[in-house]
Amino acid sequence: MERACEEKVLKYIGSVRTALQRITEQQRPGSDNFVSMVLDYASRYLFDAEWYLQRGDCLTALACISYAEGLLDAIRIGGMVSFSWPSQQERPRRVLVGGVFDIVHPGHVYFLARASSLGLVHVVVANDETVRESKGAYPVFTEQERLQLVQSLKPVYRAFLGTHPPDFGKYLAEVKPDVVLLGHDQGWLEEKVRRHLEELNLNAEVLVLNEKLEGYSSSIIKSRVLRAFLSH
């Protein structure tokens, strides 16, 4: 019963996300404010549906995504937008990202929000030993604390701990992503990811998000905290 509910919600999420993208592509600057407001509400219900689903509350997730679908149908039937619902057989796109996520800051939120615009976000959180080996020191927060923080963020559908050493093939085989999104400082992973995808016979886009929010990184935040502490 629960599994059937989850699959139904995931299909609705995929349909609503696709419809929102198609409507947004049609919108022009200065478009109807009422339509923009309805799209905003539908987007919020979509995010709520994902949030409740990832926490195991399938019925509330179903209610949220039904509200989103109803809002979009209302402006479609009213002739304010033009789109057709995608097939309910379409599986929502899965997006795979990874990182340390030590001291979560606006740069992390921006990255995850961009990932969420592409589909359901699955996050690999680097474990403590991997962080120590790559950065020369353990992170401020433990792997379990970082996992909990990332999982609580609204754009995130699911988060799980990475292995040590990192096993990219295992992550790809488990999630079977449609998109792998790398951060602005992860471009060096692109060829490795493509090689694993080819070995697993998986067809996924590999994108590098070259843009970033200036002034935000875990090291910068740590420096700001240290300066603030020393100034007192």
Protein backbone atom coordinates (compact mmCIF):
# COMPACT_ATOMS: atom_id res chain seq x y z
CA MET A 1 0.00 0.00 0.00
CA GLU A 2 2.72 2.46 1.03
CA ARG A 3 4.85 1.57 -1.98
CA ALA A 4 1.92 2.08 -4.35
CA CYS A 5 1.23 5.47 -2.75
CA GLU A 6 4.87 6.52 -3.14
CA GLU A 7 4.95 5.54 -6.81
CA LYS A 8 1.73 7.47 -7.43
CA VAL A 9 3.08 10.59 -5.74
CA LEU A 10 6.36 10.36 -7.66
CA LYS A 11 4.46 10.21 -10.96
CA TYR A 12 2.35 13.23 -9.97
CA ILE A 13 5.51 15.10 -8.93
CA GLY A 14 7.10 14.37 -12.29
CA SER A 15 3.99 15.54 -14.17
CA VAL A 16 3.61 18.76 -12.16
CA ARG A 17 7.32 19.57 -12.43
CA THR A 18 7.23 19.07 -16.21
CA ALA A 19 4.06 21.17 -16.56
CA LEU A 20 5.57 23.99 -14.49
CA GLN A 21 8.68 23.99 -16.67
CA ARG A 22 6.60 24.12 -19.85
CA ILE A 23 4.44 26.97 -18.54
CA THR A 24 7.46 28.91 -17.30
CA GLU A 25 9.07 28.66 -20.73
CA GLN A 26 5.99 30.36 -22.18
CA GLN A 27 5.95 33.20 -19.66
CA ARG A 28 7.24 36.59 -20.72
CA PRO A 29 8.31 39.61 -18.62
CA GLY A 30 5.24 41.47 -17.49
CA SER A 31 3.03 38.39 -17.73
CA ASP A 32 -0.27 38.18 -15.87
CA ASN A 33 0.39 38.68 -12.13
CA PHE A 34 -2.44 36.30 -11.23
CA VAL A 35 -0.89 33.51 -13.30
CA SER A 36 2.50 34.19 -11.71
CA MET A 37 0.93 33.97 -8.25
CA VAL A 38 -0.76 30.65 -9.08
CA LEU A 39 2.52 29.25 -10.44
CA ASP A 40 4.26 30.30 -7.23
CA TYR A 41 1.65 28.53 -5.10
CA ALA A 42 1.87 25.41 -7.28
CA SER A 43 5.67 25.41 -6.93
CA ARG A 44 5.36 25.67 -3.16
CA TYR A 45 2.94 22.75 -3.03
CA LEU A 46 5.34 20.78 -5.23
CA PHE A 47 8.21 21.40 -2.82
CA ASP A 48 5.96 20.50 0.13
CA ALA A 49 4.99 17.24 -1.57
CA GLU A 50 8.65 16.30 -1.99
CA TRP A 51 9.40 17.30 1.60
CA TYR A 52 6.63 15.14 3.08
CA LEU A 53 7.38 12.22 0.78
CA GLN A 54 11.04 12.06 1.77
CA ARG A 55 9.94 11.94 5.41
CA GLY A 56 7.60 9.02 4.84
CA ASP A 57 4.28 10.91 5.01
CA CYS A 58 2.92 9.75 1.67
CA LEU A 59 -0.70 10.80 2.21
CA THR A 60 0.18 14.41 3.03
CA ALA A 61 2.55 14.43 0.05
CA LEU A 62 -0.30 13.20 -2.15
CA ALA A 63 -2.57 15.96 -0.85
CA CYS A 64 0.07 18.63 -1.56
CA ILE A 65 0.82 17.49 -5.09
CA SER A 66 -2.93 17.21 -5.79
CA TYR A 67 -3.33 20.88 -4.79
CA ALA A 68 -0.48 21.80 -7.15
CA GLU A 69 -2.06 19.85 -10.00
CA GLY A 70 -5.45 21.45 -9.31
CA LEU A 71 -4.01 24.97 -9.43
CA LEU A 72 -2.32 24.35 -12.76
CA ASP A 73 -5.45 22.73 -14.17
CA ALA A 74 -7.52 25.74 -13.11
CA ILE A 75 -5.45 28.23 -15.13
CA ARG A 76 -5.24 25.76 -18.03
CA ILE A 77 -9.02 25.26 -18.18
CA GLY A 78 -9.47 29.02 -17.77
CA GLY A 79 -7.41 29.58 -20.91
CA MET A 80 -4.70 31.56 -19.09
CA VAL A 81 -1.95 29.09 -20.01
CA SER A 82 -1.61 26.36 -22.60
CA PHE A 83 -0.03 23.00 -21.83
CA SER A 84 -0.90 19.32 -21.82
CA TRP A 85 -0.22 16.95 -18.98
CA PRO A 86 2.64 14.52 -19.63
CA SER A 87 1.94 10.82 -19.53
CA GLN A 88 1.49 9.52 -15.99
CA GLN A 89 3.89 6.75 -16.96
CA GLU A 90 6.79 9.21 -17.04
CA ARG A 91 9.18 8.74 -14.15
CA PRO A 92 10.29 11.97 -12.44
CA ARG A 93 13.87 12.88 -13.33
CA ARG A 94 16.49 11.99 -10.76
CA VAL A 95 19.39 14.33 -10.09
CA LEU A 96 22.56 13.17 -8.33
CA VAL A 97 24.86 15.62 -6.56
CA GLY A 98 27.55 15.24 -3.92
CA GLY A 99 29.67 17.21 -1.52
CA VAL A 100 30.93 17.70 2.02
CA PHE A 101 28.29 20.23 3.14
CA ASP A 102 30.18 21.24 6.25
CA ILE A 103 28.60 24.39 7.76
CA VAL A 104 25.68 24.66 5.33
CA HIS A 105 25.53 28.18 3.84
CA PRO A 106 23.68 30.08 1.06
CA GLY A 107 26.10 28.75 -1.56
CA HIS A 108 25.03 25.19 -0.74
CA VAL A 109 21.35 26.16 -0.81
CA TYR A 110 21.80 27.85 -4.20
CA PHE A 111 23.50 24.74 -5.62
CA LEU A 112 20.80 22.41 -4.31
CA ALA A 113 18.00 24.70 -5.49
CA ARG A 114 19.47 24.66 -9.00
CA ALA A 115 19.66 20.87 -8.81
CA SER A 116 16.04 20.73 -7.65
CA SER A 117 14.95 22.66 -10.74
CA LEU A 118 16.14 19.65 -12.77
CA GLY A 119 14.36 16.90 -10.81
CA LEU A 120 14.35 15.00 -7.53
CA VAL A 121 17.65 15.65 -5.79
CA HIS A 122 19.68 12.74 -4.38
CA VAL A 123 22.72 13.90 -2.40
CA VAL A 124 25.86 11.94 -1.59
CA VAL A 125 27.32 13.38 1.63
CA ALA A 126 31.05 12.69 1.94
CA ASN A 127 31.91 10.66 5.04
CA ASP A 128 34.40 11.90 7.63
CA GLU A 129 37.35 9.80 6.47
CA THR A 130 36.96 10.95 2.88
CA VAL A 131 36.92 14.58 4.03
CA ARG A 132 40.01 14.09 6.22
CA GLU A 133 41.88 12.44 3.37
CA SER A 134 40.99 15.10 0.79
CA LYS A 135 41.19 18.22 2.97
CA GLY A 136 43.75 17.18 5.60
CA ALA A 137 41.36 17.64 8.54
CA TYR A 138 38.04 16.38 9.79
CA PRO A 139 34.98 18.57 9.15
CA VAL A 140 33.43 20.69 11.90
CA PHE A 141 30.27 18.59 11.89
CA THR A 142 30.31 14.79 11.92
CA GLU A 143 29.05 12.82 8.95
CA GLN A 144 25.78 12.02 10.72
CA GLU A 145 25.22 15.68 11.62
CA ARG A 146 25.96 16.78 8.07
CA LEU A 147 23.68 14.07 6.69
CA GLN A 148 20.85 15.22 8.93
CA LEU A 149 21.37 18.88 7.97
CA VAL A 150 21.34 18.14 4.24
CA GLN A 151 18.32 15.86 4.47
CA SER A 152 16.37 18.62 6.24
CA LEU A 153 16.84 21.09 3.35
CA LYS A 154 13.75 21.63 1.24
CA PRO A 155 15.32 21.05 -2.23
CA VAL A 156 16.66 17.64 -1.15
CA TYR A 157 14.61 14.53 -1.87
CA ARG A 158 17.06 12.05 -0.38
CA ALA A 159 20.53 12.17 1.18
CA PHE A 160 22.87 9.30 1.99
CA LEU A 161 26.44 8.87 3.19
CA GLY A 162 29.19 8.15 0.72
CA THR A 163 31.67 5.32 1.08
CA HIS A 164 35.36 5.49 1.86
CA PRO A 165 37.02 5.53 -0.53
CA PRO A 166 34.28 7.10 -2.69
CA ASP A 167 32.63 4.59 -5.03
CA PHE A 168 31.08 6.63 -7.85
CA GLY A 169 29.96 3.52 -9.69
CA LYS A 170 27.98 2.39 -6.63
CA TYR A 171 26.24 5.78 -6.27
CA LEU A 172 25.30 5.87 -9.95
CA ALA A 173 24.06 2.27 -9.96
CA GLU A 174 21.94 2.89 -6.86
CA VAL A 175 20.29 6.17 -7.92
CA LYS A 176 20.25 5.62 -11.72
CA PRO A 177 20.19 9.38 -12.28
CA ASP A 178 18.97 11.23 -15.33
CA VAL A 179 21.26 14.14 -14.46
CA VAL A 180 24.55 14.33 -12.56
CA LEU A 181 25.15 17.93 -11.49
CA LEU A 182 28.67 18.89 -10.42
CA GLY A 183 29.48 22.05 -8.49
CA HIS A 184 31.70 24.84 -9.79
CA ASP A 185 34.73 23.25 -8.05
CA GLN A 186 33.94 19.66 -9.07
CA GLY A 187 34.62 19.83 -12.80
CA TRP A 188 37.58 17.49 -12.36
CA LEU A 189 35.09 14.69 -11.69
CA GLU A 190 33.30 15.02 -15.04
CA GLU A 191 35.35 12.50 -17.03
CA LYS A 192 35.36 9.99 -14.18
CA VAL A 193 31.57 10.18 -13.88
CA ARG A 194 31.12 9.81 -17.64
CA ARG A 195 33.36 6.74 -17.63
CA HIS A 196 31.34 5.08 -14.86
CA LEU A 197 28.06 5.89 -16.64
CA GLU A 198 29.36 4.23 -19.79
CA GLU A 199 30.49 1.15 -17.86
CA LEU A 200 27.05 0.86 -16.25
CA ASN A 201 25.26 1.52 -19.55
CA LEU A 202 23.39 4.44 -17.98
CA ASN A 203 22.21 7.38 -20.06
CA ALA A 204 22.53 10.54 -17.96
CA GLU A 205 23.45 14.15 -18.57
CA VAL A 206 26.59 15.33 -16.79
CA LEU A 207 26.42 19.07 -16.08
CA VAL A 208 28.84 21.40 -14.32
CA LEU A 209 27.31 24.40 -12.57
CA ASN A 210 30.00 26.98 -13.25
CA GLU A 211 28.15 29.83 -11.55
CA LYS A 212 28.29 30.33 -7.78
CA LEU A 213 27.33 32.80 -5.06
CA GLU A 214 30.40 34.90 -4.46
CA GLY A 215 31.70 35.11 -0.92
CA TYR A 216 30.35 31.78 0.26
CA SER A 217 32.38 28.67 1.01
CA SER A 218 32.90 26.65 4.17
CA SER A 219 36.42 28.05 4.57
CA ILE A 220 35.20 31.64 4.16
CA ILE A 221 32.41 31.07 6.70
CA LYS A 222 34.90 29.58 9.18
CA SER A 223 37.15 32.64 8.76
CA ARG A 224 34.21 34.98 9.32
CA VAL A 225 33.23 33.12 12.51
CA LEU A 226 36.82 33.21 13.75
CA ARG A 227 37.13 36.95 13.09
CA ALA A 228 33.83 37.63 14.83
CA PHE A 229 34.97 35.55 17.84
CA LEU A 230 38.36 37.28 18.06
CA SER A 231 36.83 40.74 17.75
CA HIS A 232 35.01 40.11 21.01
